[in-house]
C-alpha atoms as a PDB file:
ATOM      1  CA  UNK A   1       0.895  31.903 -43.534  1.00  0.00           C
ATOM      2  CA  UNK A   2       1.342  29.818 -40.388  1.00  0.00           C
ATOM      3  CA  UNK A   3      -0.710  26.855 -39.261  1.00  0.00           C
ATOM      4  CA  UNK A   4      -2.719  26.903 -36.041  1.00  0.00           C
ATOM      5  CA  UNK A   5      -0.938  24.967 -33.328  1.00  0.00           C
ATOM      6  CA  UNK A   6       2.552  25.353 -34.763  1.00  0.00           C
ATOM      7  CA  UNK A   7       5.188  28.044 -34.265  1.00  0.00           C
ATOM      8  CA  UNK A   8       8.343  28.554 -36.307  1.00  0.00           C
ATOM      9  CA  UNK A   9      11.350  30.760 -35.608  1.00  0.00           C
ATOM     10  CA  UNK A  10      14.797  31.143 -37.144  1.00  0.00           C
ATOM     11  CA  UNK A  11      17.561  32.899 -35.254  1.00  0.00           C
ATOM     12  CA  UNK A  12      21.359  32.770 -35.296  1.00  0.00           C
ATOM     13  CA  UNK A  13      21.478  29.643 -37.419  1.00  0.00           C
ATOM     14  CA  UNK A  14      18.931  27.752 -35.316  1.00  0.00           C
ATOM     15  CA  UNK A  15      15.486  26.954 -36.727  1.00  0.00           C
ATOM     16  CA  UNK A  16      12.873  25.954 -34.145  1.00  0.00           C
ATOM     17  CA  UNK A  17       9.529  24.246 -34.696  1.00  0.00           C
ATOM     18  CA  UNK A  18       7.249  24.357 -31.635  1.00  0.00           C
ATOM     19  CA  UNK A  19       4.061  22.341 -31.204  1.00  0.00           C
ATOM     20  CA  UNK A  20       1.780  24.957 -29.659  1.00  0.00           C
ATOM     21  CA  UNK A  21      -1.437  23.371 -28.417  1.00  0.00           C
ATOM     22  CA  UNK A  22      -0.640  23.153 -24.696  1.00  0.00           C
ATOM     23  CA  UNK A  23      -4.324  22.828 -23.806  1.00  0.00           C
ATOM     24  CA  UNK A  24      -4.343  19.556 -25.809  1.00  0.00           C
ATOM     25  CA  UNK A  25      -0.844  18.512 -24.682  1.00  0.00           C
ATOM     26  CA  UNK A  26       0.319  19.490 -28.185  1.00  0.00           C
ATOM     27  CA  UNK A  27      -1.510  16.670 -29.964  1.00  0.00           C
ATOM     28  CA  UNK A  28      -0.743  17.085 -33.649  1.00  0.00           C
ATOM     29  CA  UNK A  29      -3.377  17.622 -36.312  1.00  0.00           C
ATOM     30  CA  UNK A  30      -3.073  16.703 -39.972  1.00  0.00           C
ATOM     31  CA  UNK A  31      -2.466  20.368 -40.775  1.00  0.00           C
ATOM     32  CA  UNK A  32       0.394  20.504 -38.241  1.00  0.00           C
ATOM     33  CA  UNK A  33       1.965  17.348 -39.628  1.00  0.00           C
ATOM     34  CA  UNK A  34       1.794  18.707 -43.151  1.00  0.00           C
ATOM     35  CA  UNK A  35       3.390  21.966 -42.016  1.00  0.00           C
ATOM     36  CA  UNK A  36       6.277  20.152 -40.288  1.00  0.00           C
ATOM     37  CA  UNK A  37       6.905  18.314 -43.561  1.00  0.00           C
ATOM     38  CA  UNK A  38       6.814  21.573 -45.537  1.00  0.00           C
ATOM     39  CA  UNK A  39       9.102  23.496 -43.191  1.00  0.00           C
ATOM     40  CA  UNK A  40      11.704  20.740 -42.889  1.00  0.00           C
ATOM     41  CA  UNK A  41      11.702  20.238 -46.655  1.00  0.00           C
ATOM     42  CA  UNK A  42      12.175  23.938 -47.391  1.00  0.00           C
ATOM     43  CA  UNK A  43      14.919  24.343 -44.779  1.00  0.00           C
ATOM     44  CA  UNK A  44      17.088  21.726 -46.455  1.00  0.00           C
ATOM     45  CA  UNK A  45      18.312  24.336 -48.906  1.00  0.00           C
ATOM     46  CA  UNK A  46      18.553  27.228 -46.448  1.00  0.00           C
ATOM     47  CA  UNK A  47      22.269  27.866 -45.886  1.00  0.00           C
ATOM     48  CA  UNK A  48      21.488  30.165 -42.961  1.00  0.00           C
ATOM     49  CA  UNK A  49      20.062  27.250 -40.964  1.00  0.00           C
ATOM     50  CA  UNK A  50      22.662  25.082 -39.265  1.00  0.00           C
ATOM     51  CA  UNK A  51      20.483  23.221 -36.736  1.00  0.00           C
ATOM     52  CA  UNK A  52      16.791  22.250 -36.493  1.00  0.00           C
ATOM     53  CA  UNK A  53      15.164  22.089 -33.040  1.00  0.00           C
ATOM     54  CA  UNK A  54      11.712  20.595 -32.434  1.00  0.00           C
ATOM     55  CA  UNK A  55       9.940  21.105 -29.110  1.00  0.00           C
ATOM     56  CA  UNK A  56       6.543  21.575 -27.481  1.00  0.00           C
ATOM     57  CA  UNK A  57       4.963  24.456 -25.601  1.00  0.00           C
ATOM     58  CA  UNK A  58       3.936  24.030 -21.988  1.00  0.00           C
ATOM     59  CA  UNK A  59       4.287  20.723 -20.166  1.00  0.00           C
ATOM     60  CA  UNK A  60       4.423  18.347 -23.133  1.00  0.00           C
ATOM     61  CA  UNK A  61       6.410  17.648 -26.257  1.00  0.00           C
ATOM     62  CA  UNK A  62       3.320  16.048 -27.805  1.00  0.00           C
ATOM     63  CA  UNK A  63       0.984  13.174 -27.023  1.00  0.00           C
ATOM     64  CA  UNK A  64       0.890  12.144 -30.679  1.00  0.00           C
ATOM     65  CA  UNK A  65      -1.901  12.389 -33.207  1.00  0.00           C
ATOM     66  CA  UNK A  66      -5.034  14.300 -32.248  1.00  0.00           C
ATOM     67  CA  UNK A  67      -7.521  11.575 -31.289  1.00  0.00           C
ATOM     68  CA  UNK A  68     -10.428  13.653 -32.580  1.00  0.00           C
ATOM     69  CA  UNK A  69      -9.101  13.069 -36.097  1.00  0.00           C
ATOM     70  CA  UNK A  70      -8.910   9.289 -35.613  1.00  0.00           C
ATOM     71  CA  UNK A  71     -12.649   8.671 -35.348  1.00  0.00           C
ATOM     72  CA  UNK A  72     -13.243   7.932 -39.033  1.00  0.00           C
ATOM     73  CA  UNK A  73     -14.137   4.400 -40.126  1.00  0.00           C
ATOM     74  CA  UNK A  74     -10.999   2.740 -41.496  1.00  0.00           C
ATOM     75  CA  UNK A  75     -12.458  -0.765 -41.666  1.00  0.00           C
ATOM     76  CA  UNK A  76     -12.958  -0.726 -45.440  1.00  0.00           C
ATOM     77  CA  UNK A  77     -10.557  -1.901 -48.164  1.00  0.00           C
ATOM     78  CA  UNK A  78      -6.978  -0.595 -48.073  1.00  0.00           C
ATOM     79  CA  UNK A  79      -6.743   2.255 -50.539  1.00  0.00           C
ATOM     80  CA  UNK A  80      -3.746   2.532 -52.905  1.00  0.00           C
ATOM     81  CA  UNK A  81      -2.728   5.922 -51.471  1.00  0.00           C
ATOM     82  CA  UNK A  82      -1.908   4.208 -48.138  1.00  0.00           C
ATOM     83  CA  UNK A  83       1.198   2.668 -49.677  1.00  0.00           C
ATOM     84  CA  UNK A  84       2.061   5.783 -51.677  1.00  0.00           C
ATOM     85  CA  UNK A  85       1.980   7.982 -48.555  1.00  0.00           C
ATOM     86  CA  UNK A  86       2.418   5.759 -45.490  1.00  0.00           C
ATOM     87  CA  UNK A  87       1.713   6.835 -41.934  1.00  0.00           C
ATOM     88  CA  UNK A  88       4.656   8.849 -40.713  1.00  0.00           C
ATOM     89  CA  UNK A  89       5.355  10.300 -44.161  1.00  0.00           C
ATOM     90  CA  UNK A  90       5.593  13.746 -42.588  1.00  0.00           C
ATOM     91  CA  UNK A  91       8.575  12.771 -40.397  1.00  0.00           C
ATOM     92  CA  UNK A  92      10.833  11.800 -43.302  1.00  0.00           C
ATOM     93  CA  UNK A  93      12.219  15.304 -44.015  1.00  0.00           C
ATOM     94  CA  UNK A  94      13.247  15.442 -40.353  1.00  0.00           C
ATOM     95  CA  UNK A  95      14.932  12.041 -40.429  1.00  0.00           C
ATOM     96  CA  UNK A  96      16.788  12.903 -43.649  1.00  0.00           C
ATOM     97  CA  UNK A  97      17.488  16.529 -42.748  1.00  0.00           C
ATOM     98  CA  UNK A  98      21.119  17.101 -43.788  1.00  0.00           C
ATOM     99  CA  UNK A  99      21.960  19.185 -40.732  1.00  0.00           C
ATOM    100  CA  UNK A 100      21.773  18.172 -37.058  1.00  0.00           C
ATOM    101  CA  UNK A 101      18.330  17.918 -35.479  1.00  0.00           C
ATOM    102  CA  UNK A 102      17.430  18.142 -31.793  1.00  0.00           C
ATOM    103  CA  UNK A 103      14.225  17.172 -29.989  1.00  0.00           C
ATOM    104  CA  UNK A 104      13.846  19.233 -26.794  1.00  0.00           C
ATOM    105  CA  UNK A 105      11.384  17.288 -24.642  1.00  0.00           C
ATOM    106  CA  UNK A 106       9.726  19.245 -21.793  1.00  0.00           C
ATOM    107  CA  UNK A 107       7.214  16.647 -20.669  1.00  0.00           C
ATOM    108  CA  UNK A 108       5.182  13.760 -22.027  1.00  0.00           C
ATOM    109  CA  UNK A 109       5.983  12.422 -25.482  1.00  0.00           C
ATOM    110  CA  UNK A 110       3.919   9.575 -26.875  1.00  0.00           C
ATOM    111  CA  UNK A 111       2.655   7.966 -30.032  1.00  0.00           C
ATOM    112  CA  UNK A 112       3.828   9.165 -33.421  1.00  0.00           C
ATOM    113  CA  UNK A 113       5.586  12.207 -31.971  1.00  0.00           C
ATOM    114  CA  UNK A 114       7.710   9.840 -29.868  1.00  0.00           C
ATOM    115  CA  UNK A 115       8.725   8.402 -33.241  1.00  0.00           C
ATOM    116  CA  UNK A 116       9.441  11.936 -34.481  1.00  0.00           C
ATOM    117  CA  UNK A 117      11.707  12.534 -31.490  1.00  0.00           C
ATOM    118  CA  UNK A 118      13.521   9.274 -32.254  1.00  0.00           C
ATOM    119  CA  UNK A 119      14.004  10.492 -35.830  1.00  0.00           C
ATOM    120  CA  UNK A 120      16.061  13.418 -34.517  1.00  0.00           C
ATOM    121  CA  UNK A 121      19.820  13.152 -34.072  1.00  0.00           C
ATOM    122  CA  UNK A 122      19.738  14.298 -30.444  1.00  0.00           C
ATOM    123  CA  UNK A 123      17.166  14.259 -27.663  1.00  0.00           C
ATOM    124  CA  UNK A 124      17.477  16.532 -24.642  1.00  0.00           C
ATOM    125  CA  UNK A 125      14.884  15.891 -21.951  1.00  0.00           C
ATOM    126  CA  UNK A 126      13.533  17.809 -19.010  1.00  0.00           C
ATOM    127  CA  UNK A 127      13.576  15.953 -15.705  1.00  0.00           C
ATOM    128  CA  UNK A 128       9.773  15.973 -16.037  1.00  0.00           C
ATOM    129  CA  UNK A 129       9.775  14.184 -19.410  1.00  0.00           C
ATOM    130  CA  UNK A 130       7.806  10.959 -19.796  1.00  0.00           C
ATOM    131  CA  UNK A 131       7.938   8.556 -22.744  1.00  0.00           C
ATOM    132  CA  UNK A 132       5.348   6.062 -23.969  1.00  0.00           C
ATOM    133  CA  UNK A 133       4.821   3.807 -26.973  1.00  0.00           C
ATOM    134  CA  UNK A 134       1.132   4.063 -26.213  1.00  0.00           C
ATOM    135  CA  UNK A 135      -0.075   2.501 -29.489  1.00  0.00           C
ATOM    136  CA  UNK A 136      -0.782  -0.952 -27.984  1.00  0.00           C
ATOM    137  CA  UNK A 137      -3.287   0.601 -25.582  1.00  0.00           C
ATOM    138  CA  UNK A 138      -5.271   1.811 -28.584  1.00  0.00           C
ATOM    139  CA  UNK A 139      -5.092  -1.540 -30.354  1.00  0.00           C
ATOM    140  CA  UNK A 140      -2.559  -0.171 -32.830  1.00  0.00           C
ATOM    141  CA  UNK A 141       0.913  -0.884 -34.173  1.00  0.00           C
ATOM    142  CA  UNK A 142       3.641   1.713 -33.507  1.00  0.00           C
ATOM    143  CA  UNK A 143       4.108   3.904 -36.583  1.00  0.00           C
ATOM    144  CA  UNK A 144       6.108   6.884 -37.737  1.00  0.00           C
ATOM    145  CA  UNK A 145       9.170   4.650 -37.982  1.00  0.00           C
ATOM    146  CA  UNK A 146       9.092   3.466 -34.351  1.00  0.00           C
ATOM    147  CA  UNK A 147       9.669  -0.174 -35.337  1.00  0.00           C
ATOM    148  CA  UNK A 148      12.787   0.993 -37.210  1.00  0.00           C
ATOM    149  CA  UNK A 149      14.282   3.437 -34.709  1.00  0.00           C
ATOM    150  CA  UNK A 150      13.582   1.864 -31.338  1.00  0.00           C
ATOM    151  CA  UNK A 151      15.203  -1.584 -31.820  1.00  0.00           C
ATOM    152  CA  UNK A 152      18.323   0.115 -33.146  1.00  0.00           C
ATOM    153  CA  UNK A 153      18.550   2.253 -30.029  1.00  0.00           C
ATOM    154  CA  UNK A 154      17.627  -0.123 -27.218  1.00  0.00           C
ATOM    155  CA  UNK A 155      17.832  -3.591 -28.778  1.00  0.00           C
ATOM    156  CA  UNK A 156      15.108  -5.907 -30.008  1.00  0.00           C
ATOM    157  CA  UNK A 157      13.978  -7.301 -26.661  1.00  0.00           C
ATOM    158  CA  UNK A 158      13.658  -3.956 -24.889  1.00  0.00           C
ATOM    159  CA  UNK A 159      11.963  -2.397 -27.913  1.00  0.00           C
ATOM    160  CA  UNK A 160       9.376  -5.176 -27.891  1.00  0.00           C
ATOM    161  CA  UNK A 161       8.818  -4.685 -24.181  1.00  0.00           C
ATOM    162  CA  UNK A 162       8.240  -0.961 -24.572  1.00  0.00           C
ATOM    163  CA  UNK A 163       5.909  -1.507 -27.522  1.00  0.00           C
ATOM    164  CA  UNK A 164       3.941  -4.497 -26.179  1.00  0.00           C
ATOM    165  CA  UNK A 165       3.511  -3.141 -22.640  1.00  0.00           C
ATOM    166  CA  UNK A 166       2.943   0.478 -23.615  1.00  0.00           C
ATOM    167  CA  UNK A 167       4.290   1.527 -20.216  1.00  0.00           C
ATOM    168  CA  UNK A 168       5.419   5.063 -19.486  1.00  0.00           C
ATOM    169  CA  UNK A 169       9.061   5.520 -18.543  1.00  0.00           C
ATOM    170  CA  UNK A 170      10.584   8.557 -16.885  1.00  0.00           C
ATOM    171  CA  UNK A 171      13.483  10.705 -18.048  1.00  0.00           C
ATOM    172  CA  UNK A 172      16.040   8.877 -15.935  1.00  0.00           C
ATOM    173  CA  UNK A 173      15.133   5.495 -17.413  1.00  0.00           C
ATOM    174  CA  UNK A 174      15.113   6.982 -20.915  1.00  0.00           C
ATOM    175  CA  UNK A 175      18.641   8.266 -20.342  1.00  0.00           C
ATOM    176  CA  UNK A 176      19.763   4.876 -18.970  1.00  0.00           C
ATOM    177  CA  UNK A 177      18.406   3.171 -22.090  1.00  0.00           C
ATOM    178  CA  UNK A 178      20.156   5.643 -24.384  1.00  0.00           C
ATOM    179  CA  UNK A 179      16.940   7.208 -25.666  1.00  0.00           C
ATOM    180  CA  UNK A 180      18.061  10.689 -24.642  1.00  0.00           C
ATOM    181  CA  UNK A 181      21.469  12.349 -24.683  1.00  0.00           C
ATOM    182  CA  UNK A 182      20.963  14.209 -21.438  1.00  0.00           C
ATOM    183  CA  UNK A 183      18.396  15.061 -18.776  1.00  0.00           C
ATOM    184  CA  UNK A 184      18.341  18.623 -17.461  1.00  0.00           C
ATOM    185  CA  UNK A 185      16.355  20.646 -14.903  1.00  0.00           C
ATOM    186  CA  UNK A 186      12.953  21.475 -16.314  1.00  0.00           C
ATOM    187  CA  UNK A 187      13.407  25.242 -16.253  1.00  0.00           C
ATOM    188  CA  UNK A 188      16.737  24.982 -18.070  1.00  0.00           C
ATOM    189  CA  UNK A 189      15.622  22.783 -20.967  1.00  0.00           C
ATOM    190  CA  UNK A 190      15.528  25.406 -23.695  1.00  0.00           C
ATOM    191  CA  UNK A 191      18.606  27.208 -22.362  1.00  0.00           C
ATOM    192  CA  UNK A 192      20.642  23.988 -22.463  1.00  0.00           C
ATOM    193  CA  UNK A 193      19.179  23.052 -25.850  1.00  0.00           C
ATOM    194  CA  UNK A 194      20.046  26.429 -27.315  1.00  0.00           C
ATOM    195  CA  UNK A 195      23.602  26.269 -25.957  1.00  0.00           C
ATOM    196  CA  UNK A 196      23.995  22.794 -27.461  1.00  0.00           C
ATOM    197  CA  UNK A 197      22.530  23.942 -30.790  1.00  0.00           C
ATOM    198  CA  UNK A 198      24.696  27.082 -30.828  1.00  0.00           C
ATOM    199  CA  UNK A 199      27.872  25.037 -30.484  1.00  0.00           C
ATOM    200  CA  UNK A 200      26.866  23.141 -33.599  1.00  0.00           C
ATOM    201  CA  UNK A 201      25.680  26.253 -35.461  1.00  0.00           C
ATOM    202  CA  UNK A 202      29.022  27.949 -34.854  1.00  0.00           C
ATOM    203  CA  UNK A 203      31.018  24.953 -36.037  1.00  0.00           C
ATOM    204  CA  UNK A 204      32.426  24.045 -39.473  1.00  0.00           C
ATOM    205  CA  UNK A 205      29.177  23.429 -41.359  1.00  0.00           C
ATOM    206  CA  UNK A 206      30.586  21.394 -44.241  1.00  0.00           C
ATOM    207  CA  UNK A 207      32.378  18.986 -41.917  1.00  0.00           C
ATOM    208  CA  UNK A 208      29.322  18.716 -39.656  1.00  0.00           C
ATOM    209  CA  UNK A 209      27.001  17.741 -42.506  1.00  0.00           C
ATOM    210  CA  UNK A 210      29.520  15.209 -43.796  1.00  0.00           C
ATOM    211  CA  UNK A 211      29.982  13.713 -40.319  1.00  0.00           C
ATOM    212  CA  UNK A 212      26.225  13.250 -39.968  1.00  0.00           C
ATOM    213  CA  UNK A 213      25.984  11.683 -43.408  1.00  0.00           C
ATOM    214  CA  UNK A 214      28.907   9.399 -42.685  1.00  0.00           C
ATOM    215  CA  UNK A 215      27.581   8.148 -39.366  1.00  0.00           C
ATOM    216  CA  UNK A 216      24.205   7.189 -40.824  1.00  0.00           C
ATOM    217  CA  UNK A 217      25.835   5.568 -43.850  1.00  0.00           C
ATOM    218  CA  UNK A 218      28.118   3.654 -41.520  1.00  0.00           C
ATOM    219  CA  UNK A 219      25.196   2.284 -39.542  1.00  0.00           C
ATOM    220  CA  UNK A 220      23.939   0.548 -42.680  1.00  0.00           C
ATOM    221  CA  UNK A 221      27.142  -0.021 -44.688  1.00  0.00           C
ATOM    222  CA  UNK A 222      30.470  -1.839 -44.507  1.00  0.00           C
ATOM    223  CA  UNK A 223      33.937  -0.749 -43.438  1.00  0.00           C
ATOM    224  CA  UNK A 224      35.486  -0.455 -46.897  1.00  0.00           C
ATOM    225  CA  UNK A 225      32.602   1.677 -48.123  1.00  0.00           C
ATOM    226  CA  UNK A 226      33.071   3.931 -45.102  1.00  0.00           C
ATOM    227  CA  UNK A 227      36.772   4.314 -45.767  1.00  0.00           C
ATOM    228  CA  UNK A 228      35.926   5.422 -49.305  1.00  0.00           C
ATOM    229  CA  UNK A 229      33.337   7.884 -47.982  1.00  0.00           C
ATOM    230  CA  UNK A 230      35.736   9.286 -45.378  1.00  0.00           C
ATOM    231  CA  UNK A 231      38.406   9.794 -48.019  1.00  0.00           C
ATOM    232  CA  UNK A 232      36.032  11.746 -50.249  1.00  0.00           C
ATOM    233  CA  UNK A 233      34.622  13.719 -47.315  1.00  0.00           C
ATOM    234  CA  UNK A 234      38.082  14.642 -46.103  1.00  0.00           C
ATOM    235  CA  UNK A 235      39.117  15.851 -49.548  1.00  0.00           C
ATOM    236  CA  UNK A 236      36.017  18.066 -49.588  1.00  0.00           C
ATOM    237  CA  UNK A 237      36.872  19.487 -46.164  1.00  0.00           C
ATOM    238  CA  UNK A 238      40.434  20.237 -47.310  1.00  0.00           C
ATOM    239  CA  UNK A 239      38.928  22.723 -49.771  1.00  0.00           C
ATOM    240  CA  UNK A 240      37.020  24.735 -47.165  1.00  0.00           C
ATOM    241  CA  UNK A 241      37.881  28.012 -45.457  1.00  0.00           C
ATOM    242  CA  UNK A 242      37.021  26.363 -42.156  1.00  0.00           C
ATOM    243  CA  UNK A 243      39.806  23.804 -42.602  1.00  0.00           C
ATOM    244  CA  UNK A 244      42.302  26.618 -43.178  1.00  0.00           C
ATOM    245  CA  UNK A 245      40.981  28.429 -40.106  1.00  0.00           C
ATOM    246  CA  UNK A 246      41.182  25.241 -38.049  1.00  0.00           C
ATOM    247  CA  UNK A 247      44.869  24.783 -38.890  1.00  0.00           C
ATOM    248  CA  UNK A 248      45.713  28.475 -38.486  1.00  0.00           C
ATOM    249  CA  UNK A 249      43.987  28.744 -35.095  1.00  0.00           C
ATOM    250  CA  UNK A 250      45.816  25.630 -33.887  1.00  0.00           C
ATOM    251  CA  UNK A 251      49.193  27.064 -34.881  1.00  0.00           C
ATOM    252  CA  UNK A 252      48.299  30.410 -33.315  1.00  0.00           C
ATOM    253  CA  UNK A 253      47.065  28.686 -30.125  1.00  0.00           C
ATOM    254  CA  UNK A 254      43.565  30.229 -30.200  1.00  0.00           C
ATOM    255  CA  UNK A 255      39.982  29.078 -30.602  1.00  0.00           C
ATOM    256  CA  UNK A 256      38.876  28.766 -34.256  1.00  0.00           C
ATOM    257  CA  UNK A 257      36.323  31.163 -35.698  1.00  0.00           C
ATOM    258  CA  UNK A 258      34.500  29.146 -38.328  1.00  0.00           C
ATOM    259  CA  UNK A 259      32.489  30.749 -41.107  1.00  0.00           C
ATOM    260  CA  UNK A 260      30.540  27.691 -42.223  1.00  0.00           C
ATOM    261  CA  UNK A 261      32.175  27.500 -45.624  1.00  0.00           C
END
């Protein structure tokens, strides 16, 4: 059974989650957040899925949490469950998804769903995309991992500026800062995203997952540990059919046809 406001499809190795509340600029409800967590968790073990794409219907990726659900009184004592399930808990299966993830951003992205987009491996933006760490304008601290992701992408000073000012930046500035991989014409966003995702989906799956794991380990580890990881990863790849195909296709001077195993 699906959840209102969220669409899910799986086709040719590409799983796609779409925020589908265009009349509310795809603001996410608690039910939608829970469903994203469930889907991403279940897809981890689905060998048919090679790439996860997250996008929004209409003219927005998402403006963040649905404000109508933020009207409760939170001024009382901090409950123990807050630390057991912190804000942004639902984005973790996306951040730790073993296969490549892509955020396709058609328009505005703000608040916690900006953090979700940052949790993805790639971000492809429409020329109409707009980005905002809007939290400060609500008297709030950025959440969903924003204080972790953003400084690592743009540096401490620029991250503070974006968070403390809460200004909206356009797609061109986001690309200049390294927040997005590419900016494309609005009408071509999903076409370009699907072509990008298909190239990954048709690649050597074992090597791709190990590359992703290695890059994130390398961002937090040391050189000698990475050399050890690369040695193990390479030995694993040597055992795959895709490695044999890669060598054979090279010798035969043709494009490889990988099977993902």
